[in-house]
Protein backbone atom coordinates (compact mmCIF):
# COMPACT_ATOMS: atom_id res chain seq x y z
CA UNK A 1 0.00 0.00 0.00
CA UNK A 2 1.28 3.48 -0.88
CA UNK A 3 1.85 5.46 2.36
CA UNK A 4 -0.24 8.59 2.87
CA UNK A 5 1.02 11.50 4.96
CA UNK A 6 -0.23 14.90 6.14
CA UNK A 7 1.08 18.36 5.21
CA UNK A 8 -0.08 21.05 7.64
CA UNK A 9 0.43 24.81 7.75
CA UNK A 10 -1.55 25.25 10.99
CA UNK A 11 -4.17 27.33 9.15
CA UNK A 12 -5.46 30.45 10.88
CA UNK A 13 -9.08 30.96 9.89
CA UNK A 14 -11.10 34.14 9.66
CA UNK A 15 -12.31 34.97 13.15
CA UNK A 16 -9.72 32.68 14.72
CA UNK A 17 -6.15 33.13 15.91
CA UNK A 18 -2.80 31.35 15.99
CA UNK A 19 -3.47 29.78 19.39
CA UNK A 20 -6.55 27.98 18.08
CA UNK A 21 -4.78 27.06 14.84
CA UNK A 22 -1.97 25.38 16.77
CA UNK A 23 -4.42 23.50 18.99
CA UNK A 24 -6.14 22.30 15.83
CA UNK A 25 -2.77 21.10 14.53
CA UNK A 26 -2.23 19.00 17.65
CA UNK A 27 -5.74 17.58 17.33
CA UNK A 28 -5.25 16.75 13.66
CA UNK A 29 -1.88 15.12 14.39
CA UNK A 30 -3.44 12.79 16.95
CA UNK A 31 -6.26 12.07 14.50
CA UNK A 32 -3.81 11.35 11.66
CA UNK A 33 -1.85 8.93 13.82
CA UNK A 34 -5.02 7.02 14.73
CA UNK A 35 -5.93 6.85 11.03
CA UNK A 36 -2.56 5.35 10.08
CA UNK A 37 -0.97 8.28 8.24
CA UNK A 38 2.77 7.79 7.84
CA UNK A 39 4.18 11.30 8.44
CA UNK A 40 3.00 14.63 9.78
CA UNK A 41 4.93 17.52 8.27
CA UNK A 42 4.72 21.24 9.03
CA UNK A 43 5.71 23.90 6.51
CA UNK A 44 7.68 27.11 7.07
CA UNK A 45 6.05 30.31 5.84
CA UNK A 46 6.35 33.85 7.17
CA UNK A 47 4.27 37.02 7.19
CA UNK A 48 1.19 35.17 5.92
CA UNK A 49 -1.95 35.73 8.01
CA UNK A 50 -3.27 32.22 7.35
CA UNK A 51 -0.18 30.29 8.51
CA UNK A 52 0.73 29.66 12.17
CA UNK A 53 3.63 27.23 11.55
CA UNK A 54 6.33 29.90 11.07
CA UNK A 55 8.40 28.62 14.03
CA UNK A 56 8.37 25.23 12.39
CA UNK A 57 10.72 23.28 14.66
CA UNK A 58 8.80 24.46 17.73
CA UNK A 59 5.48 23.25 16.30
CA UNK A 60 7.07 19.92 15.30
CA UNK A 61 8.18 19.44 18.90
CA UNK A 62 4.64 20.09 20.12
CA UNK A 63 3.28 17.54 17.64
CA UNK A 64 5.87 15.03 18.81
CA UNK A 65 4.72 15.44 22.40
CA UNK A 66 1.10 14.52 21.63
CA UNK A 67 1.85 11.59 19.28
CA UNK A 68 3.70 8.32 19.69
CA UNK A 69 4.63 6.68 16.40
CA UNK A 70 3.82 8.85 13.37
CA UNK A 71 6.91 10.38 11.76
CA UNK A 72 7.16 14.13 12.28
CA UNK A 73 9.10 16.75 10.42
CA UNK A 74 9.33 19.78 8.20
CA UNK A 75 7.91 19.95 4.73
CA UNK A 76 9.84 22.02 4.72
CA UNK A 77 12.47 24.29 6.16
CA UNK A 78 13.32 27.10 3.76
CA UNK A 79 17.07 26.87 4.09
CA UNK A 80 17.98 30.28 2.59
CA UNK A 81 16.37 31.81 5.68
CA UNK A 82 18.74 30.08 8.09
CA UNK A 83 22.31 29.22 8.91
CA UNK A 84 22.73 25.47 8.28
CA UNK A 85 24.30 25.00 11.73
CA UNK A 86 21.16 26.35 13.43
CA UNK A 87 18.92 23.93 11.51
CA UNK A 88 21.26 21.03 12.34
CA UNK A 89 20.99 21.93 16.02
CA UNK A 90 17.21 22.32 15.89
CA UNK A 91 16.61 19.01 14.16
CA UNK A 92 19.32 17.30 16.18
CA UNK A 93 17.35 18.39 19.22
CA UNK A 94 14.11 17.04 17.74
CA UNK A 95 15.77 13.72 16.89
CA UNK A 96 17.14 13.52 20.43
CA UNK A 97 13.65 14.09 21.83
CA UNK A 98 11.85 11.81 19.35
CA UNK A 99 14.36 9.17 18.19
CA UNK A 100 13.87 7.64 14.72
CA UNK A 101 10.79 9.76 14.01
CA UNK A 102 12.13 13.03 12.57
CA UNK A 103 12.39 14.09 8.90
CA UNK A 104 13.96 17.26 7.52
CA UNK A 105 12.82 18.39 4.07
CA UNK A 106 14.59 21.43 2.62
CA UNK A 107 13.42 24.07 0.15
CA UNK A 108 15.28 26.91 -1.53
CA UNK A 109 12.42 29.44 -1.62
CA UNK A 110 12.16 31.98 1.22
CA UNK A 111 8.55 31.08 2.04
CA UNK A 112 7.84 34.80 2.15
CA UNK A 113 8.38 38.04 0.27
CA UNK A 114 11.84 39.61 -0.08
CA UNK A 115 11.26 42.23 2.62
CA UNK A 116 10.34 39.48 5.09
CA UNK A 117 13.33 37.41 3.99
CA UNK A 118 15.62 40.36 4.75
CA UNK A 119 14.01 40.78 8.16
CA UNK A 120 14.60 37.09 8.94
CA UNK A 121 18.27 36.96 7.99
CA UNK A 122 19.49 40.46 8.66
CA UNK A 123 23.17 39.87 7.87
CA UNK A 124 22.29 38.96 4.29
CA UNK A 125 19.29 37.86 2.30
CA UNK A 126 19.49 34.10 1.81
CA UNK A 127 20.88 33.30 -1.61
CA UNK A 128 18.85 30.60 -3.37
CA UNK A 129 21.85 29.96 -5.65
CA UNK A 130 23.82 28.86 -2.56
CA UNK A 131 21.18 26.28 -1.70
CA UNK A 132 23.16 23.19 -2.82
CA UNK A 133 26.17 24.30 -0.78
CA UNK A 134 23.96 24.99 2.24
CA UNK A 135 22.44 21.50 1.93
CA UNK A 136 25.90 19.92 1.85
CA UNK A 137 26.99 21.99 4.84
CA UNK A 138 23.92 20.92 6.79
CA UNK A 139 24.53 17.26 5.92
CA UNK A 140 28.13 17.64 7.09
CA UNK A 141 26.99 18.75 10.54
CA UNK A 142 25.00 15.53 10.91
CA UNK A 143 27.81 13.37 9.49
CA UNK A 144 30.38 14.96 11.84
CA UNK A 145 33.55 13.85 10.01
CA UNK A 146 36.74 13.44 12.09
CA UNK A 147 38.56 16.69 12.76
CA UNK A 148 35.49 18.88 12.20
CA UNK A 149 36.00 22.06 14.23
CA UNK A 150 32.41 23.34 14.44
CA UNK A 151 29.93 20.68 15.55
CA UNK A 152 26.17 20.64 15.90
CA UNK A 153 25.32 19.70 19.48
CA UNK A 154 22.78 18.08 19.43
CA UNK A 155 22.97 16.85 15.85
CA UNK A 156 26.43 15.44 15.21
CA UNK A 157 26.26 11.74 14.43
CA UNK A 158 22.45 11.56 14.38
CA UNK A 159 20.52 10.02 11.50
CA UNK A 160 18.00 12.66 10.44
CA UNK A 161 16.71 11.84 6.94
CA UNK A 162 17.18 14.77 4.56
CA UNK A 163 14.67 15.36 1.76
CA UNK A 164 14.77 17.88 -1.07
CA UNK A 165 11.59 19.80 -1.86
CA UNK A 166 10.84 21.14 -5.30
CA UNK A 167 8.29 22.89 -7.47
CA UNK A 168 10.48 22.95 -10.58
CA UNK A 169 13.23 20.84 -12.13
CA UNK A 170 15.99 22.31 -9.95
CA UNK A 171 15.08 20.34 -6.84
CA UNK A 172 14.64 17.16 -8.86
CA UNK A 173 18.15 17.49 -10.26
CA UNK A 174 19.68 18.21 -6.85
CA UNK A 175 17.88 15.35 -5.10
CA UNK A 176 18.96 12.96 -7.85
CA UNK A 177 22.59 14.15 -7.72
CA UNK A 178 22.78 13.76 -3.92
CA UNK A 179 20.84 10.49 -3.81
CA UNK A 180 18.15 11.89 -1.51
CA UNK A 181 14.37 11.38 -1.39
CA UNK A 182 12.38 14.00 -3.30
CA UNK A 183 9.08 15.67 -2.49
CA UNK A 184 7.39 17.61 -5.30
CA UNK A 185 4.92 20.42 -4.58
CA UNK A 186 2.20 19.33 -6.98
CA UNK A 187 -0.34 20.72 -4.49
CA UNK A 188 0.45 24.23 -5.75
CA UNK A 189 2.79 23.84 -8.76
CA UNK A 190 1.61 20.87 -10.81
CA UNK A 191 2.77 22.20 -14.19
CA UNK A 192 6.19 20.53 -14.00
CA UNK A 193 5.04 17.43 -12.12
CA UNK A 194 5.71 14.74 -14.70
CA UNK A 195 8.93 16.35 -15.96
CA UNK A 196 10.29 16.63 -12.42
CA UNK A 197 9.54 12.97 -11.68
CA UNK A 198 11.22 11.89 -14.91
CA UNK A 199 14.33 14.00 -14.26
CA UNK A 200 14.65 12.75 -10.68
CA UNK A 201 14.21 9.07 -11.48
CA UNK A 202 16.38 9.07 -14.61
CA UNK A 203 19.29 10.94 -13.02
CA UNK A 204 19.17 9.40 -9.54
CA UNK A 205 22.52 8.33 -8.11
CA UNK A 206 22.39 5.77 -5.29
CA UNK A 207 23.94 7.00 -2.07
CA UNK A 208 24.49 5.85 1.48
CA UNK A 209 21.20 7.60 2.26
CA UNK A 210 19.03 5.96 -0.40
CA UNK A 211 19.56 3.04 -2.79
CA UNK A 212 16.70 3.74 -5.22
CA UNK A 213 14.63 6.85 -6.08
CA UNK A 214 11.81 7.76 -3.72
CA UNK A 215 9.18 10.31 -4.75
CA UNK A 216 6.55 11.81 -2.49
CA UNK A 217 3.95 14.06 -4.13
CA UNK A 218 1.99 16.83 -2.45
CA UNK A 219 -1.68 16.88 -3.33
CA UNK A 220 -4.64 19.00 -2.28
CA UNK A 221 -7.55 16.80 -1.28
CA UNK A 222 -10.80 18.17 0.07
CA UNK A 223 -13.15 15.29 0.80
CA UNK A 224 -16.67 15.36 2.22
CA UNK A 225 -19.69 13.08 2.31
CA UNK A 226 -20.90 14.42 -1.05
CA UNK A 227 -19.27 15.98 -4.11
CA UNK A 228 -21.36 19.12 -3.61
CA UNK A 229 -20.26 19.63 -0.01
CA UNK A 230 -16.60 19.08 -0.93
CA UNK A 231 -16.76 21.63 -3.74
CA UNK A 232 -18.31 24.14 -1.35
CA UNK A 233 -15.62 23.51 1.31
CA UNK A 234 -12.88 23.87 -1.30
CA UNK A 235 -13.89 27.46 -2.04
CA UNK A 236 -12.01 28.42 1.14
CA UNK A 237 -8.78 27.12 -0.40
CA UNK A 238 -9.53 28.87 -3.68
CA UNK A 239 -10.19 32.17 -1.92
CA UNK A 240 -6.94 31.87 0.06
CA UNK A 241 -4.85 31.30 -3.08
CA UNK A 242 -6.62 34.06 -4.99
CA UNK A 243 -5.97 36.53 -2.17
CA UNK A 244 -2.33 35.46 -1.91
CA UNK A 245 -1.76 35.90 -5.66
CA UNK A 246 -3.34 39.36 -5.48
CA UNK A 247 -0.82 40.32 -2.81
CA UNK A 248 -3.54 40.61 -0.17
CA UNK A 249 -3.19 37.44 1.94
CA UNK A 250 -5.86 36.88 4.59
CA UNK A 251 -6.77 34.26 7.16
CA UNK A 252 -8.55 31.27 5.61
CA UNK A 253 -12.05 32.55 4.75
CA UNK A 254 -15.27 30.58 5.19
CA UNK A 255 -16.70 28.79 2.13
CA UNK A 256 -18.45 31.06 -0.34
CA UNK A 257 -20.98 29.80 -2.85
CA UNK A 258 -20.49 31.29 -6.31
CA UNK A 259 -16.96 32.49 -5.51
CA UNK A 260 -15.47 31.62 -8.90
CA UNK A 261 -18.11 33.72 -10.66
CA UNK A 262 -16.65 36.79 -8.92
CA UNK A 263 -13.23 36.23 -10.51
CA UNK A 264 -11.86 37.55 -13.77
CA UNK A 265 -11.19 35.10 -16.57
CA UNK A 266 -7.45 35.38 -15.91
CA UNK A 267 -7.93 34.63 -12.21
CA UNK A 268 -10.11 31.61 -12.99
CA UNK A 269 -7.46 30.30 -15.39
CA UNK A 270 -4.79 30.77 -12.72
CA UNK A 271 -6.78 28.79 -10.15
CA UNK A 272 -7.45 26.04 -12.69
CA UNK A 273 -3.71 25.78 -13.33
CA UNK A 274 -2.73 25.77 -9.64
CA UNK A 275 -5.33 23.17 -8.71
CA UNK A 276 -5.19 21.00 -11.80
CA UNK A 277 -4.01 18.08 -9.63
CA UNK A 278 -6.39 18.78 -6.72
CA UNK A 279 -8.98 16.18 -5.74
CA UNK A 280 -12.32 17.49 -4.52
CA UNK A 281 -15.34 15.27 -3.91
CA UNK A 282 -17.18 12.62 -1.98
CA UNK A 283 -15.77 9.18 -1.08
CA UNK A 284 -16.28 7.55 -4.50
CA UNK A 285 -14.85 10.52 -6.39
CA UNK A 286 -11.86 10.76 -4.06
CA UNK A 287 -11.09 7.06 -4.31
CA UNK A 288 -11.26 7.11 -8.10
CA UNK A 289 -9.20 10.27 -8.50
CA UNK A 290 -6.49 9.07 -6.09
CA UNK A 291 -6.16 5.84 -8.06
CA UNK A 292 -5.90 7.79 -11.33
CA UNK A 293 -3.24 10.08 -9.83
CA UNK A 294 -1.19 7.14 -8.55
CA UNK A 295 -1.50 5.30 -11.86
CA UNK A 296 -0.30 8.39 -13.72
CA UNK A 297 2.62 9.26 -11.45
CA UNK A 298 3.62 5.95 -9.83
CA UNK A 299 4.29 7.96 -6.67
CA UNK A 300 5.98 6.17 -3.79
CA UNK A 301 4.03 8.26 -1.26
CA UNK A 302 1.38 10.99 -1.16
CA UNK A 303 1.33 13.88 1.28
CA UNK A 304 -2.12 15.41 1.58
CA UNK A 305 -2.83 19.10 2.15
CA UNK A 306 -6.26 20.43 3.14
CA UNK A 307 -6.94 24.06 4.05
CA UNK A 308 -10.51 23.56 5.21
CA UNK A 309 -12.11 26.43 7.13
CA UNK A 310 -14.04 24.23 9.55
CA UNK A 311 -11.77 22.04 11.68
CA UNK A 312 -14.33 19.26 12.00
CA UNK A 313 -14.72 19.17 8.23
CA UNK A 314 -10.94 18.92 7.95
CA UNK A 315 -10.86 15.93 10.32
CA UNK A 316 -13.62 14.29 8.30
CA UNK A 317 -11.74 14.94 5.05
CA UNK A 318 -8.69 13.07 6.31
CA UNK A 319 -10.93 10.20 7.45
CA UNK A 320 -12.39 9.84 3.94
CA UNK A 321 -8.90 9.97 2.40
CA UNK A 322 -7.71 7.25 4.81
CA UNK A 323 -10.68 5.08 3.81
CA UNK A 324 -9.76 5.59 0.14
CA UNK A 325 -6.16 4.63 0.88
CA UNK A 326 -7.25 1.44 2.62
């Protein structure tokens, strides 16, 4: 059976706050573990009113405290925002607290706008072109070769699996070159999905970390008891993306009937492109569409994102997806 995992941004909804969003994350993590999901990953974003997982390692630790067996980690850490040593220490600490459960997926985008990126790393704005070197430096801190002067404590000598994230061909090439597992962001950038998979698998070099290619694909799934209810719930996700692309991000809004009719033709086309891989529907629709997606991509694992406004509807969505998986 293909493993299914959860991608969470601790969504802050309209009328809510970060405290409630983080409590919902803990509740969903416990729920996901009971349902047999394989991993629970949090994503780093900054200066976005709908995302409460900015201090990603801190939230991962909280999730680890309320769960027992599900793998926990970052999907991902935006490495240009940070010194590699700091990330090695943070995830070395997590691995020390939760042995053999922690993953570290790395991205080269800032997860924010440039002004926010400058505010985060005041000595210099993280250089995305330095990303491969930063990845190698981070891996070195975990490997702790003899004679290394600067060591990550905790971190040195610990086995924290490193993943490469990608929404284009760059990450696929890097993951293949380093022999690392690869997670593609088809939940918001599906245009290069098949090309990225082909590049990664065809260029993969076995390493001490991984003998054969391993691809995990992000996918938006909003499931409900009927197709109609799922489509209505999904309008919250559509509104969030539309607001973000307009440069006016907001907390996750409640569902809105007829929302797409309020958009320009260009905005509708943009949403269609972003969500071309999304699955929205009742149990039968979800089961069929997941099978079609797996048949098309031959993914080794799926990681499911769901930005549902109502927390109970979100819990139910993950239940329906777990039933489809089984």
